Amino acid sequence: MPPTLALSEIPSNEDRKLSASPIELRLFRYEDAHAFRGLNEAWIERYFGLEDADNEVLGDPVRHIIEPGGQIIIAILDGRAVACCALKPMEAGVYEVAKMAVAEDLRGRGIGRMVLVRTIEEARAMGATKLYLETNSRLADAIHLYESLGFQHLPPKHSVYERANVFMELVLF
């Protein structure tokens, strides 16, 4: 069984990296739609190329994530959205962790970990029992982050994303 995660369990070296940082983690606001799209387009274009499913969700995150009962966590630094992660409803109690992005100039500072931990906390608050995600084996740092927070690998399956070749879940208690 995957371990449960408490905020106090984040490795101390990650905490120290950003302990003095003025990063604000907050829930999505309508004015964040442009930043959400930009952050995600940057990494997707860099590694893969946008797919139809990306354009659909990024083009209207309110309709595809928020209105069906999901949520988006946004990280703000000096008034700039620098990272994000979505919880997209799949079925009762199950959410897809999707569209996680960190601004390229700020990677390696623990911001992705902070956002993902906050996303997991929000999922619990929303009554989630399981989180699911799809990624690509080229994104080794992201996979390592997911593993370090208790996500377990699943067998391959069909995805709406051509690039998806790694599938994971985290069972929440």
C-alpha atoms as a PDB file:
ATOM      1  CA  MET A   1       0.000   0.000   0.000  1.00  0.00           C
ATOM      2  CA  PRO A   2       1.313   3.474  -0.779  1.00  0.00           C
ATOM      3  CA  PRO A   3       2.197   5.563   2.234  1.00  0.00           C
ATOM      4  CA  THR A   4       0.012   8.423   3.298  1.00  0.00           C
ATOM      5  CA  LEU A   5       1.588  11.850   3.114  1.00  0.00           C
ATOM      6  CA  ALA A   6       1.579  14.583   5.699  1.00  0.00           C
ATOM      7  CA  LEU A   7       3.025  18.020   5.003  1.00  0.00           C
ATOM      8  CA  SER A   8       5.536  17.413   7.797  1.00  0.00           C
ATOM      9  CA  GLU A   9       6.930  14.445   5.830  1.00  0.00           C
ATOM     10  CA  ILE A  10       8.401  16.558   3.027  1.00  0.00           C
ATOM     11  CA  PRO A  11      12.166  16.074   3.098  1.00  0.00           C
ATOM     12  CA  SER A  12      13.822  18.849   5.071  1.00  0.00           C
ATOM     13  CA  ASN A  13      16.288  19.706   2.275  1.00  0.00           C
ATOM     14  CA  GLU A  14      13.303  20.684   0.081  1.00  0.00           C
ATOM     15  CA  ASP A  15      11.820  22.753   2.890  1.00  0.00           C
ATOM     16  CA  ARG A  16      15.082  24.641   3.334  1.00  0.00           C
ATOM     17  CA  LYS A  17      15.359  25.465  -0.360  1.00  0.00           C
ATOM     18  CA  LEU A  18      12.232  27.612  -0.220  1.00  0.00           C
ATOM     19  CA  SER A  19      11.860  28.395   3.474  1.00  0.00           C
ATOM     20  CA  ALA A  20      12.489  32.114   2.929  1.00  0.00           C
ATOM     21  CA  SER A  21      10.688  32.252  -0.405  1.00  0.00           C
ATOM     22  CA  PRO A  22       7.541  34.346  -0.704  1.00  0.00           C
ATOM     23  CA  ILE A  23       5.698  31.736  -2.754  1.00  0.00           C
ATOM     24  CA  GLU A  24       1.928  31.781  -2.341  1.00  0.00           C
ATOM     25  CA  LEU A  25      -0.035  28.628  -3.099  1.00  0.00           C
ATOM     26  CA  ARG A  26      -3.677  29.311  -3.810  1.00  0.00           C
ATOM     27  CA  LEU A  27      -6.723  28.047  -5.631  1.00  0.00           C
ATOM     28  CA  PHE A  28      -7.403  28.981  -9.251  1.00  0.00           C
ATOM     29  CA  ARG A  29      -9.042  32.295 -10.082  1.00  0.00           C
ATOM     30  CA  TYR A  30     -10.596  33.083 -13.458  1.00  0.00           C
ATOM     31  CA  GLU A  31      -7.775  35.520 -14.218  1.00  0.00           C
ATOM     32  CA  ASP A  32      -5.280  32.609 -13.917  1.00  0.00           C
ATOM     33  CA  ALA A  33      -6.516  30.924 -17.110  1.00  0.00           C
ATOM     34  CA  HIS A  34      -3.919  32.623 -19.340  1.00  0.00           C
ATOM     35  CA  ALA A  35      -1.019  31.749 -17.001  1.00  0.00           C
ATOM     36  CA  PHE A  36      -2.284  28.162 -16.622  1.00  0.00           C
ATOM     37  CA  ARG A  37      -2.268  27.802 -20.388  1.00  0.00           C
ATOM     38  CA  GLY A  38       1.141  29.457 -20.823  1.00  0.00           C
ATOM     39  CA  LEU A  39       2.897  27.397 -18.146  1.00  0.00           C
ATOM     40  CA  ASN A  40       1.606  24.169 -19.640  1.00  0.00           C
ATOM     41  CA  GLU A  41       2.144  25.074 -23.288  1.00  0.00           C
ATOM     42  CA  ALA A  42       5.797  25.883 -22.502  1.00  0.00           C
ATOM     43  CA  TRP A  43       6.718  22.428 -21.204  1.00  0.00           C
ATOM     44  CA  ILE A  44       4.476  20.478 -23.567  1.00  0.00           C
ATOM     45  CA  GLU A  45       5.862  22.260 -26.635  1.00  0.00           C
ATOM     46  CA  ARG A  46       9.429  21.863 -25.388  1.00  0.00           C
ATOM     47  CA  TYR A  47       9.189  18.098 -24.991  1.00  0.00           C
ATOM     48  CA  PHE A  48       6.334  16.855 -27.172  1.00  0.00           C
ATOM     49  CA  GLY A  49       3.991  19.185 -29.018  1.00  0.00           C
ATOM     50  CA  LEU A  50       0.432  20.099 -28.134  1.00  0.00           C
ATOM     51  CA  GLU A  51      -2.266  17.523 -28.752  1.00  0.00           C
ATOM     52  CA  ASP A  52      -5.995  18.069 -29.272  1.00  0.00           C
ATOM     53  CA  ALA A  53      -6.740  17.062 -25.667  1.00  0.00           C
ATOM     54  CA  ASP A  54      -4.235  19.681 -24.429  1.00  0.00           C
ATOM     55  CA  ASN A  55      -5.821  22.421 -26.503  1.00  0.00           C
ATOM     56  CA  GLU A  56      -9.267  21.500 -25.230  1.00  0.00           C
ATOM     57  CA  VAL A  57      -8.380  21.632 -21.525  1.00  0.00           C
ATOM     58  CA  LEU A  58      -5.974  24.564 -21.751  1.00  0.00           C
ATOM     59  CA  GLY A  59      -8.413  26.521 -23.885  1.00  0.00           C
ATOM     60  CA  ASP A  60     -11.101  26.439 -21.204  1.00  0.00           C
ATOM     61  CA  PRO A  61      -9.897  25.130 -17.822  1.00  0.00           C
ATOM     62  CA  VAL A  62     -13.025  26.405 -16.102  1.00  0.00           C
ATOM     63  CA  ARG A  63     -15.286  24.257 -18.281  1.00  0.00           C
ATOM     64  CA  HIS A  64     -13.042  21.174 -18.305  1.00  0.00           C
ATOM     65  CA  ILE A  65     -11.659  21.204 -14.744  1.00  0.00           C
ATOM     66  CA  ILE A  66     -13.414  23.610 -12.374  1.00  0.00           C
ATOM     67  CA  GLU A  67     -17.101  23.280 -13.368  1.00  0.00           C
ATOM     68  CA  PRO A  68     -17.117  19.445 -13.295  1.00  0.00           C
ATOM     69  CA  GLY A  69     -15.869  19.621  -9.677  1.00  0.00           C
ATOM     70  CA  GLY A  70     -12.092  19.834 -10.036  1.00  0.00           C
ATOM     71  CA  GLN A  71      -9.572  22.366  -8.869  1.00  0.00           C
ATOM     72  CA  ILE A  72      -6.306  23.987  -9.918  1.00  0.00           C
ATOM     73  CA  ILE A  73      -3.523  24.992  -7.544  1.00  0.00           C
ATOM     74  CA  ILE A  74      -1.488  28.025  -8.593  1.00  0.00           C
ATOM     75  CA  ALA A  75       1.907  29.083  -7.200  1.00  0.00           C
ATOM     76  CA  ILE A  76       2.552  32.828  -7.216  1.00  0.00           C
ATOM     77  CA  LEU A  77       5.972  34.440  -6.834  1.00  0.00           C
ATOM     78  CA  ASP A  78       6.298  38.230  -6.921  1.00  0.00           C
ATOM     79  CA  GLY A  79       2.854  38.539  -8.501  1.00  0.00           C
ATOM     80  CA  ARG A  80       3.657  36.012 -11.256  1.00  0.00           C
ATOM     81  CA  ALA A  81       2.073  32.592 -11.646  1.00  0.00           C
ATOM     82  CA  VAL A  82       5.099  30.280 -11.680  1.00  0.00           C
ATOM     83  CA  ALA A  83       3.577  26.817 -11.269  1.00  0.00           C
ATOM     84  CA  CYS A  84       0.273  24.976 -11.375  1.00  0.00           C
ATOM     85  CA  CYS A  85      -1.354  21.596 -11.002  1.00  0.00           C
ATOM     86  CA  ALA A  86      -4.916  20.495 -11.713  1.00  0.00           C
ATOM     87  CA  LEU A  87      -7.237  17.969 -10.120  1.00  0.00           C
ATOM     88  CA  LYS A  88      -9.530  16.795 -12.889  1.00  0.00           C
ATOM     89  CA  PRO A  89     -12.520  14.686 -11.762  1.00  0.00           C
ATOM     90  CA  MET A  90     -12.654  11.189 -13.235  1.00  0.00           C
ATOM     91  CA  GLU A  91     -15.293   9.411 -11.145  1.00  0.00           C
ATOM     92  CA  ALA A  92     -16.595   9.631  -7.581  1.00  0.00           C
ATOM     93  CA  GLY A  93     -13.576  10.057  -5.287  1.00  0.00           C
ATOM     94  CA  VAL A  94     -11.020   9.770  -8.099  1.00  0.00           C
ATOM     95  CA  TYR A  95      -9.160  12.717  -9.605  1.00  0.00           C
ATOM     96  CA  GLU A  96      -6.529  12.937 -12.285  1.00  0.00           C
ATOM     97  CA  VAL A  97      -3.468  14.973 -11.350  1.00  0.00           C
ATOM     98  CA  ALA A  98      -3.016  16.857 -14.600  1.00  0.00           C
ATOM     99  CA  LYS A  99      -1.339  19.822 -16.222  1.00  0.00           C
ATOM    100  CA  MET A 100       1.399  20.173 -13.621  1.00  0.00           C
ATOM    101  CA  ALA A 101       3.936  22.772 -14.696  1.00  0.00           C
ATOM    102  CA  VAL A 102       6.721  24.882 -13.211  1.00  0.00           C
ATOM    103  CA  ALA A 103       8.227  27.878 -15.003  1.00  0.00           C
ATOM    104  CA  GLU A 104      11.467  26.740 -16.602  1.00  0.00           C
ATOM    105  CA  ASP A 105      13.558  29.450 -14.939  1.00  0.00           C
ATOM    106  CA  LEU A 106      12.469  28.251 -11.489  1.00  0.00           C
ATOM    107  CA  ARG A 107      12.804  24.473 -11.817  1.00  0.00           C
ATOM    108  CA  GLY A 108      14.963  22.679  -9.296  1.00  0.00           C
ATOM    109  CA  ARG A 109      13.920  24.888  -6.363  1.00  0.00           C
ATOM    110  CA  GLY A 110      11.296  22.584  -4.848  1.00  0.00           C
ATOM    111  CA  ILE A 111       8.319  24.515  -6.230  1.00  0.00           C
ATOM    112  CA  GLY A 112       6.942  21.467  -8.031  1.00  0.00           C
ATOM    113  CA  ARG A 113       7.043  19.491  -4.780  1.00  0.00           C
ATOM    114  CA  MET A 114       5.266  22.304  -2.935  1.00  0.00           C
ATOM    115  CA  VAL A 115       2.539  22.490  -5.569  1.00  0.00           C
ATOM    116  CA  LEU A 116       2.049  18.728  -5.699  1.00  0.00           C
ATOM    117  CA  VAL A 117       1.876  18.427  -1.898  1.00  0.00           C
ATOM    118  CA  ARG A 118      -0.718  21.226  -1.838  1.00  0.00           C
ATOM    119  CA  THR A 119      -2.603  19.481  -4.661  1.00  0.00           C
ATOM    120  CA  ILE A 120      -2.696  16.240  -2.669  1.00  0.00           C
ATOM    121  CA  GLU A 121      -3.935  18.131   0.396  1.00  0.00           C
ATOM    122  CA  GLU A 122      -6.671  19.764  -1.691  1.00  0.00           C
ATOM    123  CA  ALA A 123      -7.677  16.372  -3.104  1.00  0.00           C
ATOM    124  CA  ARG A 124      -8.073  15.018   0.424  1.00  0.00           C
ATOM    125  CA  ALA A 125     -10.144  18.056   1.398  1.00  0.00           C
ATOM    126  CA  MET A 126     -12.354  17.380  -1.634  1.00  0.00           C
ATOM    127  CA  GLY A 127     -12.944  13.816  -0.465  1.00  0.00           C
ATOM    128  CA  ALA A 128     -10.660  12.061  -2.935  1.00  0.00           C
ATOM    129  CA  THR A 129      -9.816   8.429  -2.283  1.00  0.00           C
ATOM    130  CA  LYS A 130      -7.443   8.007  -5.206  1.00  0.00           C
ATOM    131  CA  LEU A 131      -5.304  10.160  -7.489  1.00  0.00           C
ATOM    132  CA  TYR A 132      -4.314   9.041 -10.978  1.00  0.00           C
ATOM    133  CA  LEU A 133      -1.812  10.512 -13.414  1.00  0.00           C
ATOM    134  CA  GLU A 134      -0.307   9.968 -16.822  1.00  0.00           C
ATOM    135  CA  THR A 135       3.135  11.155 -17.831  1.00  0.00           C
ATOM    136  CA  ASN A 136       6.015  10.259 -20.109  1.00  0.00           C
ATOM    137  CA  SER A 137       9.229   8.393 -19.332  1.00  0.00           C
ATOM    138  CA  ARG A 138      11.237  11.361 -20.713  1.00  0.00           C
ATOM    139  CA  LEU A 139      10.100  13.370 -17.682  1.00  0.00           C
ATOM    140  CA  ALA A 140      12.328  11.536 -15.195  1.00  0.00           C
ATOM    141  CA  ASP A 141      12.381  14.357 -12.625  1.00  0.00           C
ATOM    142  CA  ALA A 142       8.577  14.464 -12.536  1.00  0.00           C
ATOM    143  CA  ILE A 143       8.352  10.678 -12.188  1.00  0.00           C
ATOM    144  CA  HIS A 144      10.861  10.759  -9.335  1.00  0.00           C
ATOM    145  CA  LEU A 145       8.781  13.455  -7.602  1.00  0.00           C
ATOM    146  CA  TYR A 146       5.597  11.401  -7.970  1.00  0.00           C
ATOM    147  CA  GLU A 147       7.335   8.289  -6.640  1.00  0.00           C
ATOM    148  CA  SER A 148       8.792  10.201  -3.682  1.00  0.00           C
ATOM    149  CA  LEU A 149       5.281  11.257  -2.653  1.00  0.00           C
ATOM    150  CA  GLY A 150       3.917   7.713  -2.786  1.00  0.00           C
ATOM    151  CA  PHE A 151       2.539   7.345  -6.319  1.00  0.00           C
ATOM    152  CA  GLN A 152       2.750   3.761  -7.549  1.00  0.00           C
ATOM    153  CA  HIS A 153       3.217   2.629 -11.143  1.00  0.00           C
ATOM    154  CA  LEU A 154       0.312   1.034 -12.992  1.00  0.00           C
ATOM    155  CA  PRO A 155       0.325  -1.179 -16.087  1.00  0.00           C
ATOM    156  CA  PRO A 156       0.154   0.672 -19.414  1.00  0.00           C
ATOM    157  CA  LYS A 157      -3.288   1.543 -20.737  1.00  0.00           C
ATOM    158  CA  HIS A 158      -4.941   3.562 -23.473  1.00  0.00           C
ATOM    159  CA  SER A 159      -4.761   7.339 -23.102  1.00  0.00           C
ATOM    160  CA  VAL A 160      -6.134  10.336 -24.967  1.00  0.00           C
ATOM    161  CA  TYR A 161      -2.512  11.566 -25.025  1.00  0.00           C
ATOM    162  CA  GLU A 162      -0.115   9.975 -27.499  1.00  0.00           C
ATOM    163  CA  ARG A 163       2.828  10.934 -25.274  1.00  0.00           C
ATOM    164  CA  ALA A 164       1.506   9.100 -22.179  1.00  0.00           C
ATOM    165  CA  ASN A 165       3.530   5.974 -21.465  1.00  0.00           C
ATOM    166  CA  VAL A 166       3.776   6.067 -17.645  1.00  0.00           C
ATOM    167  CA  PHE A 167       0.661   5.635 -15.505  1.00  0.00           C
ATOM    168  CA  MET A 168       0.564   6.052 -11.725  1.00  0.00           C
ATOM    169  CA  GLU A 169      -1.833   6.280  -8.799  1.00  0.00           C
ATOM    170  CA  LEU A 170      -1.836   7.339  -5.181  1.00  0.00           C
ATOM    171  CA  VAL A 171      -4.371   5.792  -2.836  1.00  0.00           C
ATOM    172  CA  LEU A 172      -5.471   8.288  -0.209  1.00  0.00           C
ATOM    173  CA  PHE A 173      -6.651   7.352   3.252  1.00  0.00           C
END
